[in-house]
Every structure is written in C-alpha cells, then in structure tokens.
C-alpha cells in the first residue's frame, strides 16, 4: 500500500487524509480519536466547500473540521491505504485520556469499504436507507443455498446474519478479503446512526425462514 500523509486537526481531536470518491471527485476522510465512525465529505467542484455524507453526524464532524482537513491535505495524493489505525500521536494540547487506545486486536474498517456500503444503500433523497439495505440482504438470503443449509441445520440468527452481510458486503465493496469481523463492524457503524437496529427486518426474516425450515 502507498503510505499517504495523514494530518492532525486542531478543530477536533482527529486525523484526516484525502481520498478519491467512488462516484468521482475528491473527498476527505476524518477519523476521531474518541469516536469509531469515520466522517466522510466530498469536495464541491465549484466552491471547494465540504459536502458531508448523509450519515456523517454533524455534532461529531463539524463543517469547520472538514474545511481544515481540506486545507491541510491540499495537494496531497489520494489515499490508497488499506485499514487506518489511530496510531498517530494526539495533538500536543490534548489531554492524555482524550485519545482512544487502539490495540492490534481491534477490528479496523477501511473507510473506503464503509463508504461503498453507504453509497450503495443511499436513497434518492441522499439518506442511508435501511429499507433498501434489508431488502437487498433478504433477497440474497432467499437465493443462497448456503443460507438454506444453515437454516436447516438450525444455525443461530446471529451466525446466519453474519454470513449474509459478509457475503453481500464483499460484493458491494469488491473486497473479497473483507472479514466477518469487519463486515459486522460496518453494520455496527451503520447502526450507530439509527438506534432502531439496522438489521431488524433481516433478523425477522431469518427467524421466519428458520421456523419454516423446522416445520418441513
């Protein structure tokens, strides 16, 4: 992987780097020390202002942070890195406890993979749609022989769901090396945006299908 410069921000305690977006154009990714979900924004071709992704929480990633990230990363090459770990030193004026300790055992998701999943299931209004996501996952589940076998063998809802989202997210991201842990982490990050439970409909369908399999 090409090592690309990462900059430290002062507006918030975070690091940032520049990325080329799947839909075209330039963007920046911000990773906070105290928050697991990455902040992603495209850059307006006309004004140069940041356009945060629909599911990027404004309270955690204010516009000022994105503007600083754009300024500091100006002229830098796009990131071609894989997963990014928060191993950079926190800003010197930050309190020691402000930085979140990240160990080798932590599951780290490539922000590009996360962004591809969000882009795939964003509706016409620019909002992340759990309905589109669940519909696609359920459609895959109904067509999968492996899922059918798992249901017949009485596998847990959690295990079946993990297989479904890992298989589907590998296709969506194009990353065949995406692990089950990383797929689950992407789901958790999506779920932080909406506390209602991102896979609620999928889980209900798995339980229904599992019951049908046992009656046969």
C-alpha atoms as a PDB file:
ATOM      1  CA  UNK A   1       0.000   0.000   0.000  1.00  0.00           C
ATOM      2  CA  UNK A   2       1.187   3.554  -0.703  1.00  0.00           C
ATOM      3  CA  UNK A   3       1.802   5.405   2.536  1.00  0.00           C
ATOM      4  CA  UNK A   4      -0.009   8.745   2.289  1.00  0.00           C
ATOM      5  CA  UNK A   5       0.468  11.662   4.658  1.00  0.00           C
ATOM      6  CA  UNK A   6      -2.067  11.942   7.467  1.00  0.00           C
ATOM      7  CA  UNK A   7      -2.682  15.331   9.039  1.00  0.00           C
ATOM      8  CA  UNK A   8      -3.669  16.176  12.592  1.00  0.00           C
ATOM      9  CA  UNK A   9      -6.626  18.524  13.000  1.00  0.00           C
ATOM     10  CA  UNK A  10      -6.974  21.253  15.622  1.00  0.00           C
ATOM     11  CA  UNK A  11     -10.718  21.925  15.384  1.00  0.00           C
ATOM     12  CA  UNK A  12     -11.377  18.442  16.778  1.00  0.00           C
ATOM     13  CA  UNK A  13      -9.009  15.755  18.053  1.00  0.00           C
ATOM     14  CA  UNK A  14      -8.727  13.711  14.879  1.00  0.00           C
ATOM     15  CA  UNK A  15      -6.628  12.828  11.872  1.00  0.00           C
ATOM     16  CA  UNK A  16      -7.567  13.299   8.217  1.00  0.00           C
ATOM     17  CA  UNK A  17      -6.485  12.230   4.750  1.00  0.00           C
ATOM     18  CA  UNK A  18      -7.678  12.786   1.196  1.00  0.00           C
ATOM     19  CA  UNK A  19      -9.471  10.160  -0.899  1.00  0.00           C
ATOM     20  CA  UNK A  20     -10.822   9.812  -4.410  1.00  0.00           C
ATOM     21  CA  UNK A  21     -14.548   9.050  -4.207  1.00  0.00           C
ATOM     22  CA  UNK A  22     -16.236   6.123  -5.954  1.00  0.00           C
ATOM     23  CA  UNK A  23     -18.738   8.487  -7.566  1.00  0.00           C
ATOM     24  CA  UNK A  24     -15.903  10.649  -8.855  1.00  0.00           C
ATOM     25  CA  UNK A  25     -14.282  13.770  -7.497  1.00  0.00           C
ATOM     26  CA  UNK A  26     -12.201  14.411  -4.425  1.00  0.00           C
ATOM     27  CA  UNK A  27     -13.074  13.892  -0.783  1.00  0.00           C
ATOM     28  CA  UNK A  28     -11.621  13.837   2.713  1.00  0.00           C
ATOM     29  CA  UNK A  29     -11.953  11.288   5.486  1.00  0.00           C
ATOM     30  CA  UNK A  30     -11.672  12.239   9.163  1.00  0.00           C
ATOM     31  CA  UNK A  31     -11.050   9.732  11.960  1.00  0.00           C
ATOM     32  CA  UNK A  32     -11.643  10.922  15.522  1.00  0.00           C
ATOM     33  CA  UNK A  33      -9.667   9.574  18.456  1.00  0.00           C
ATOM     34  CA  UNK A  34     -12.817   9.215  20.550  1.00  0.00           C
ATOM     35  CA  UNK A  35     -15.384   8.010  18.004  1.00  0.00           C
ATOM     36  CA  UNK A  36     -15.354   4.883  15.833  1.00  0.00           C
ATOM     37  CA  UNK A  37     -17.447   6.043  12.872  1.00  0.00           C
ATOM     38  CA  UNK A  38     -15.402   7.884  10.216  1.00  0.00           C
ATOM     39  CA  UNK A  39     -16.503  11.258   8.893  1.00  0.00           C
ATOM     40  CA  UNK A  40     -16.577  11.498   5.096  1.00  0.00           C
ATOM     41  CA  UNK A  41     -17.179  14.505   2.853  1.00  0.00           C
ATOM     42  CA  UNK A  42     -16.879  15.183  -0.855  1.00  0.00           C
ATOM     43  CA  UNK A  43     -15.461  18.488  -2.054  1.00  0.00           C
ATOM     44  CA  UNK A  44     -17.613  20.801  -4.168  1.00  0.00           C
ATOM     45  CA  UNK A  45     -16.055  21.340  -7.594  1.00  0.00           C
ATOM     46  CA  UNK A  46     -17.474  24.868  -7.757  1.00  0.00           C
ATOM     47  CA  UNK A  47     -16.976  26.304  -4.273  1.00  0.00           C
ATOM     48  CA  UNK A  48     -14.397  23.936  -2.800  1.00  0.00           C
ATOM     49  CA  UNK A  49     -16.557  23.562   0.294  1.00  0.00           C
ATOM     50  CA  UNK A  50     -17.057  20.192   2.020  1.00  0.00           C
ATOM     51  CA  UNK A  51     -20.271  18.243   1.408  1.00  0.00           C
ATOM     52  CA  UNK A  52     -20.569  15.751   4.294  1.00  0.00           C
ATOM     53  CA  UNK A  53     -22.024  12.287   3.608  1.00  0.00           C
ATOM     54  CA  UNK A  54     -25.669  11.951   4.606  1.00  0.00           C
ATOM     55  CA  UNK A  55     -24.921   9.750   7.608  1.00  0.00           C
ATOM     56  CA  UNK A  56     -21.959  11.744   8.929  1.00  0.00           C
ATOM     57  CA  UNK A  57     -23.034  13.169  12.321  1.00  0.00           C
ATOM     58  CA  UNK A  58     -22.604  16.955  12.253  1.00  0.00           C
ATOM     59  CA  UNK A  59     -22.082  17.157  16.014  1.00  0.00           C
ATOM     60  CA  UNK A  60     -19.060  14.850  15.799  1.00  0.00           C
ATOM     61  CA  UNK A  61     -17.746  16.168  12.471  1.00  0.00           C
ATOM     62  CA  UNK A  62     -18.483  19.925  12.160  1.00  0.00           C
ATOM     63  CA  UNK A  63     -18.046  21.761   8.874  1.00  0.00           C
ATOM     64  CA  UNK A  64     -15.040  23.601  10.310  1.00  0.00           C
ATOM     65  CA  UNK A  65     -13.215  20.298  10.763  1.00  0.00           C
ATOM     66  CA  UNK A  66     -13.794  19.314   7.149  1.00  0.00           C
ATOM     67  CA  UNK A  67     -12.663  22.761   5.958  1.00  0.00           C
ATOM     68  CA  UNK A  68      -9.463  22.404   7.976  1.00  0.00           C
ATOM     69  CA  UNK A  69      -8.951  18.890   6.593  1.00  0.00           C
ATOM     70  CA  UNK A  70      -9.386  20.160   3.025  1.00  0.00           C
ATOM     71  CA  UNK A  71      -6.877  22.956   3.596  1.00  0.00           C
ATOM     72  CA  UNK A  72      -4.263  20.777   5.290  1.00  0.00           C
ATOM     73  CA  UNK A  73      -4.493  17.950   2.737  1.00  0.00           C
ATOM     74  CA  UNK A  74      -4.486  20.239  -0.296  1.00  0.00           C
ATOM     75  CA  UNK A  75      -2.032  18.941  -2.882  1.00  0.00           C
ATOM     76  CA  UNK A  76      -1.574  15.605  -1.141  1.00  0.00           C
ATOM     77  CA  UNK A  77      -2.005  12.362  -3.133  1.00  0.00           C
ATOM     78  CA  UNK A  78      -5.145  10.296  -2.688  1.00  0.00           C
ATOM     79  CA  UNK A  79      -5.007   7.570  -0.057  1.00  0.00           C
ATOM     80  CA  UNK A  80      -4.506   4.049  -1.415  1.00  0.00           C
ATOM     81  CA  UNK A  81      -4.076   2.603   2.030  1.00  0.00           C
ATOM     82  CA  UNK A  82      -5.995  -0.277   3.497  1.00  0.00           C
ATOM     83  CA  UNK A  83      -7.319  -0.020   7.038  1.00  0.00           C
ATOM     84  CA  UNK A  84      -6.214   3.029   9.006  1.00  0.00           C
ATOM     85  CA  UNK A  85      -5.389   2.666  12.685  1.00  0.00           C
ATOM     86  CA  UNK A  86      -5.301   5.610  15.069  1.00  0.00           C
ATOM     87  CA  UNK A  87      -1.634   5.174  15.890  1.00  0.00           C
ATOM     88  CA  UNK A  88      -0.739   8.800  15.285  1.00  0.00           C
ATOM     89  CA  UNK A  89       0.074  10.908  18.305  1.00  0.00           C
ATOM     90  CA  UNK A  90      -2.756  13.059  19.578  1.00  0.00           C
ATOM     91  CA  UNK A  91      -2.236  16.852  19.317  1.00  0.00           C
ATOM     92  CA  UNK A  92       0.166  18.151  21.953  1.00  0.00           C
ATOM     93  CA  UNK A  93      -2.530  20.220  23.640  1.00  0.00           C
ATOM     94  CA  UNK A  94      -4.821  17.219  24.057  1.00  0.00           C
ATOM     95  CA  UNK A  95      -5.256  15.646  27.455  1.00  0.00           C
ATOM     96  CA  UNK A  96      -3.686  12.149  27.638  1.00  0.00           C
ATOM     97  CA  UNK A  97      -7.043  10.500  28.258  1.00  0.00           C
ATOM     98  CA  UNK A  98      -8.597  12.143  25.187  1.00  0.00           C
ATOM     99  CA  UNK A  99      -7.006   9.674  22.776  1.00  0.00           C
ATOM    100  CA  UNK A 100      -8.663   6.295  22.427  1.00  0.00           C
ATOM    101  CA  UNK A 101      -6.238   3.422  22.721  1.00  0.00           C
ATOM    102  CA  UNK A 102      -6.371   1.134  19.714  1.00  0.00           C
ATOM    103  CA  UNK A 103      -4.893  -2.326  20.144  1.00  0.00           C
ATOM    104  CA  UNK A 104      -3.901  -4.849  17.428  1.00  0.00           C
ATOM    105  CA  UNK A 105      -6.982  -6.898  18.349  1.00  0.00           C
ATOM    106  CA  UNK A 106      -9.402  -4.077  17.495  1.00  0.00           C
ATOM    107  CA  UNK A 107     -11.399  -4.505  14.298  1.00  0.00           C
ATOM    108  CA  UNK A 108     -10.491  -1.723  11.876  1.00  0.00           C
ATOM    109  CA  UNK A 109     -12.619  -0.992   8.810  1.00  0.00           C
ATOM    110  CA  UNK A 110     -11.252   0.595   5.650  1.00  0.00           C
ATOM    111  CA  UNK A 111     -13.173   3.855   5.292  1.00  0.00           C
ATOM    112  CA  UNK A 112     -13.413   3.244   1.531  1.00  0.00           C
ATOM    113  CA  UNK A 113     -15.255  -0.047   2.146  1.00  0.00           C
ATOM    114  CA  UNK A 114     -17.581   1.677   4.605  1.00  0.00           C
ATOM    115  CA  UNK A 115     -18.254   4.464   2.106  1.00  0.00           C
ATOM    116  CA  UNK A 116     -19.108   1.990  -0.673  1.00  0.00           C
ATOM    117  CA  UNK A 117     -21.711   0.297   1.529  1.00  0.00           C
ATOM    118  CA  UNK A 118     -23.240   3.661   2.444  1.00  0.00           C
ATOM    119  CA  UNK A 119     -23.279   4.753  -1.216  1.00  0.00           C
ATOM    120  CA  UNK A 120     -24.940   1.503  -2.323  1.00  0.00           C
ATOM    121  CA  UNK A 121     -27.843   1.914   0.078  1.00  0.00           C
ATOM    122  CA  UNK A 122     -28.388   5.668  -0.108  1.00  0.00           C
ATOM    123  CA  UNK A 123     -31.824   6.600  -1.437  1.00  0.00           C
ATOM    124  CA  UNK A 124     -32.843   9.318  -3.927  1.00  0.00           C
ATOM    125  CA  UNK A 125     -33.015  11.858  -1.114  1.00  0.00           C
ATOM    126  CA  UNK A 126     -29.396  11.261  -0.205  1.00  0.00           C
ATOM    127  CA  UNK A 127     -30.184   9.415   3.009  1.00  0.00           C
ATOM    128  CA  UNK A 128     -28.987   5.983   4.091  1.00  0.00           C
ATOM    129  CA  UNK A 129     -31.975   3.647   3.631  1.00  0.00           C
ATOM    130  CA  UNK A 130     -32.264   0.650   5.938  1.00  0.00           C
ATOM    131  CA  UNK A 131     -35.204  -0.464   3.844  1.00  0.00           C
ATOM    132  CA  UNK A 132     -33.037  -0.743   0.722  1.00  0.00           C
ATOM    133  CA  UNK A 133     -30.303  -2.469   2.719  1.00  0.00           C
ATOM    134  CA  UNK A 134     -32.582  -5.070   4.322  1.00  0.00           C
ATOM    135  CA  UNK A 135     -34.443  -5.706   1.082  1.00  0.00           C
ATOM    136  CA  UNK A 136     -31.173  -6.463  -0.713  1.00  0.00           C
ATOM    137  CA  UNK A 137     -29.893  -8.693   2.087  1.00  0.00           C
ATOM    138  CA  UNK A 138     -33.169 -10.615   2.300  1.00  0.00           C
ATOM    139  CA  UNK A 139     -33.171 -11.109  -1.471  1.00  0.00           C
ATOM    140  CA  UNK A 140     -29.655 -12.554  -1.252  1.00  0.00           C
ATOM    141  CA  UNK A 141     -30.634 -14.796   1.674  1.00  0.00           C
ATOM    142  CA  UNK A 142     -33.569 -16.286  -0.234  1.00  0.00           C
ATOM    143  CA  UNK A 143     -31.356 -17.123  -3.218  1.00  0.00           C
ATOM    144  CA  UNK A 144     -28.440 -18.597  -1.236  1.00  0.00           C
ATOM    145  CA  UNK A 145     -28.100 -22.369  -0.938  1.00  0.00           C
ATOM    146  CA  UNK A 146     -25.640 -21.867   1.913  1.00  0.00           C
ATOM    147  CA  UNK A 147     -28.187 -19.840   3.895  1.00  0.00           C
ATOM    148  CA  UNK A 148     -30.813 -22.501   3.241  1.00  0.00           C
ATOM    149  CA  UNK A 149     -28.467 -25.195   4.563  1.00  0.00           C
ATOM    150  CA  UNK A 150     -27.589 -23.119   7.641  1.00  0.00           C
ATOM    151  CA  UNK A 151     -31.292 -22.678   8.436  1.00  0.00           C
ATOM    152  CA  UNK A 152     -31.970 -26.394   8.024  1.00  0.00           C
ATOM    153  CA  UNK A 153     -29.078 -27.157  10.369  1.00  0.00           C
ATOM    154  CA  UNK A 154     -30.518 -24.800  12.996  1.00  0.00           C
ATOM    155  CA  UNK A 155     -27.762 -22.178  12.990  1.00  0.00           C
ATOM    156  CA  UNK A 156     -28.391 -19.087  15.143  1.00  0.00           C
ATOM    157  CA  UNK A 157     -29.841 -15.887  13.712  1.00  0.00           C
ATOM    158  CA  UNK A 158     -26.567 -14.117  14.512  1.00  0.00           C
ATOM    159  CA  UNK A 159     -24.459 -16.642  12.604  1.00  0.00           C
ATOM    160  CA  UNK A 160     -26.774 -16.640   9.572  1.00  0.00           C
ATOM    161  CA  UNK A 161     -26.908 -12.835   9.564  1.00  0.00           C
ATOM    162  CA  UNK A 162     -23.116 -12.622   9.754  1.00  0.00           C
ATOM    163  CA  UNK A 163     -22.763 -14.905   6.737  1.00  0.00           C
ATOM    164  CA  UNK A 164     -25.315 -12.863   4.766  1.00  0.00           C
ATOM    165  CA  UNK A 165     -23.850  -9.430   5.438  1.00  0.00           C
ATOM    166  CA  UNK A 166     -20.265 -10.629   4.929  1.00  0.00           C
ATOM    167  CA  UNK A 167     -21.101 -12.202   1.568  1.00  0.00           C
ATOM    168  CA  UNK A 168     -23.090  -9.182   0.422  1.00  0.00           C
ATOM    169  CA  UNK A 169     -20.646  -6.545   1.670  1.00  0.00           C
ATOM    170  CA  UNK A 170     -17.786  -8.347  -0.093  1.00  0.00           C
ATOM    171  CA  UNK A 171     -19.723  -7.958  -3.334  1.00  0.00           C
ATOM    172  CA  UNK A 172     -20.656  -4.328  -2.675  1.00  0.00           C
ATOM    173  CA  UNK A 173     -17.112  -3.268  -1.728  1.00  0.00           C
ATOM    174  CA  UNK A 174     -15.321  -5.507  -4.212  1.00  0.00           C
ATOM    175  CA  UNK A 175     -13.097  -6.542  -1.316  1.00  0.00           C
ATOM    176  CA  UNK A 176     -13.041 -10.346  -1.302  1.00  0.00           C
ATOM    177  CA  UNK A 177     -10.728 -10.270   1.728  1.00  0.00           C
ATOM    178  CA  UNK A 178     -13.286  -8.478   3.910  1.00  0.00           C
ATOM    179  CA  UNK A 179     -13.500 -10.500   7.118  1.00  0.00           C
ATOM    180  CA  UNK A 180     -16.629 -11.394   9.055  1.00  0.00           C
ATOM    181  CA  UNK A 181     -15.421  -9.154  11.875  1.00  0.00           C
ATOM    182  CA  UNK A 182     -15.030  -6.200   9.514  1.00  0.00           C
ATOM    183  CA  UNK A 183     -18.457  -6.786   7.949  1.00  0.00           C
ATOM    184  CA  UNK A 184     -20.046  -6.871  11.403  1.00  0.00           C
ATOM    185  CA  UNK A 185     -18.178  -3.685  12.348  1.00  0.00           C
ATOM    186  CA  UNK A 186     -19.540  -1.905   9.269  1.00  0.00           C
ATOM    187  CA  UNK A 187     -23.015  -2.948  10.386  1.00  0.00           C
ATOM    188  CA  UNK A 188     -22.338  -1.594  13.867  1.00  0.00           C
ATOM    189  CA  UNK A 189     -21.188   1.738  12.453  1.00  0.00           C
ATOM    190  CA  UNK A 190     -24.349   1.977  10.373  1.00  0.00           C
ATOM    191  CA  UNK A 191     -26.397   1.091  13.441  1.00  0.00           C
ATOM    192  CA  UNK A 192     -24.879   3.958  15.414  1.00  0.00           C
ATOM    193  CA  UNK A 193     -26.614   6.330  13.007  1.00  0.00           C
ATOM    194  CA  UNK A 194     -30.037   4.866  13.805  1.00  0.00           C
ATOM    195  CA  UNK A 195     -30.622   3.160  17.171  1.00  0.00           C
ATOM    196  CA  UNK A 196     -33.676   1.293  15.863  1.00  0.00           C
ATOM    197  CA  UNK A 197     -31.464  -1.563  14.667  1.00  0.00           C
ATOM    198  CA  UNK A 198     -30.155  -1.660  11.128  1.00  0.00           C
ATOM    199  CA  UNK A 199     -30.784  -5.398  10.546  1.00  0.00           C
ATOM    200  CA  UNK A 200     -34.154  -5.623  12.283  1.00  0.00           C
ATOM    201  CA  UNK A 201     -36.061  -6.690   9.143  1.00  0.00           C
ATOM    202  CA  UNK A 202     -33.348  -9.145   8.122  1.00  0.00           C
ATOM    203  CA  UNK A 203     -33.351 -10.778  11.556  1.00  0.00           C
ATOM    204  CA  UNK A 204     -37.148 -11.115  11.450  1.00  0.00           C
ATOM    205  CA  UNK A 205     -36.961 -12.775   8.046  1.00  0.00           C
ATOM    206  CA  UNK A 206     -34.246 -15.181   9.223  1.00  0.00           C
ATOM    207  CA  UNK A 207     -36.390 -16.218  12.205  1.00  0.00           C
ATOM    208  CA  UNK A 208     -39.400 -16.693   9.936  1.00  0.00           C
ATOM    209  CA  UNK A 209     -37.383 -18.754   7.437  1.00  0.00           C
ATOM    210  CA  UNK A 210     -35.812 -20.762  10.247  1.00  0.00           C
ATOM    211  CA  UNK A 211     -39.257 -21.663  11.571  1.00  0.00           C
ATOM    212  CA  UNK A 212     -40.402 -22.686   8.119  1.00  0.00           C
ATOM    213  CA  UNK A 213     -37.367 -24.968   7.723  1.00  0.00           C
ATOM    214  CA  UNK A 214     -38.069 -26.724  11.033  1.00  0.00           C
ATOM    215  CA  UNK A 215     -41.672 -27.445  10.035  1.00  0.00           C
ATOM    216  CA  UNK A 216     -40.631 -29.217   6.853  1.00  0.00           C
END
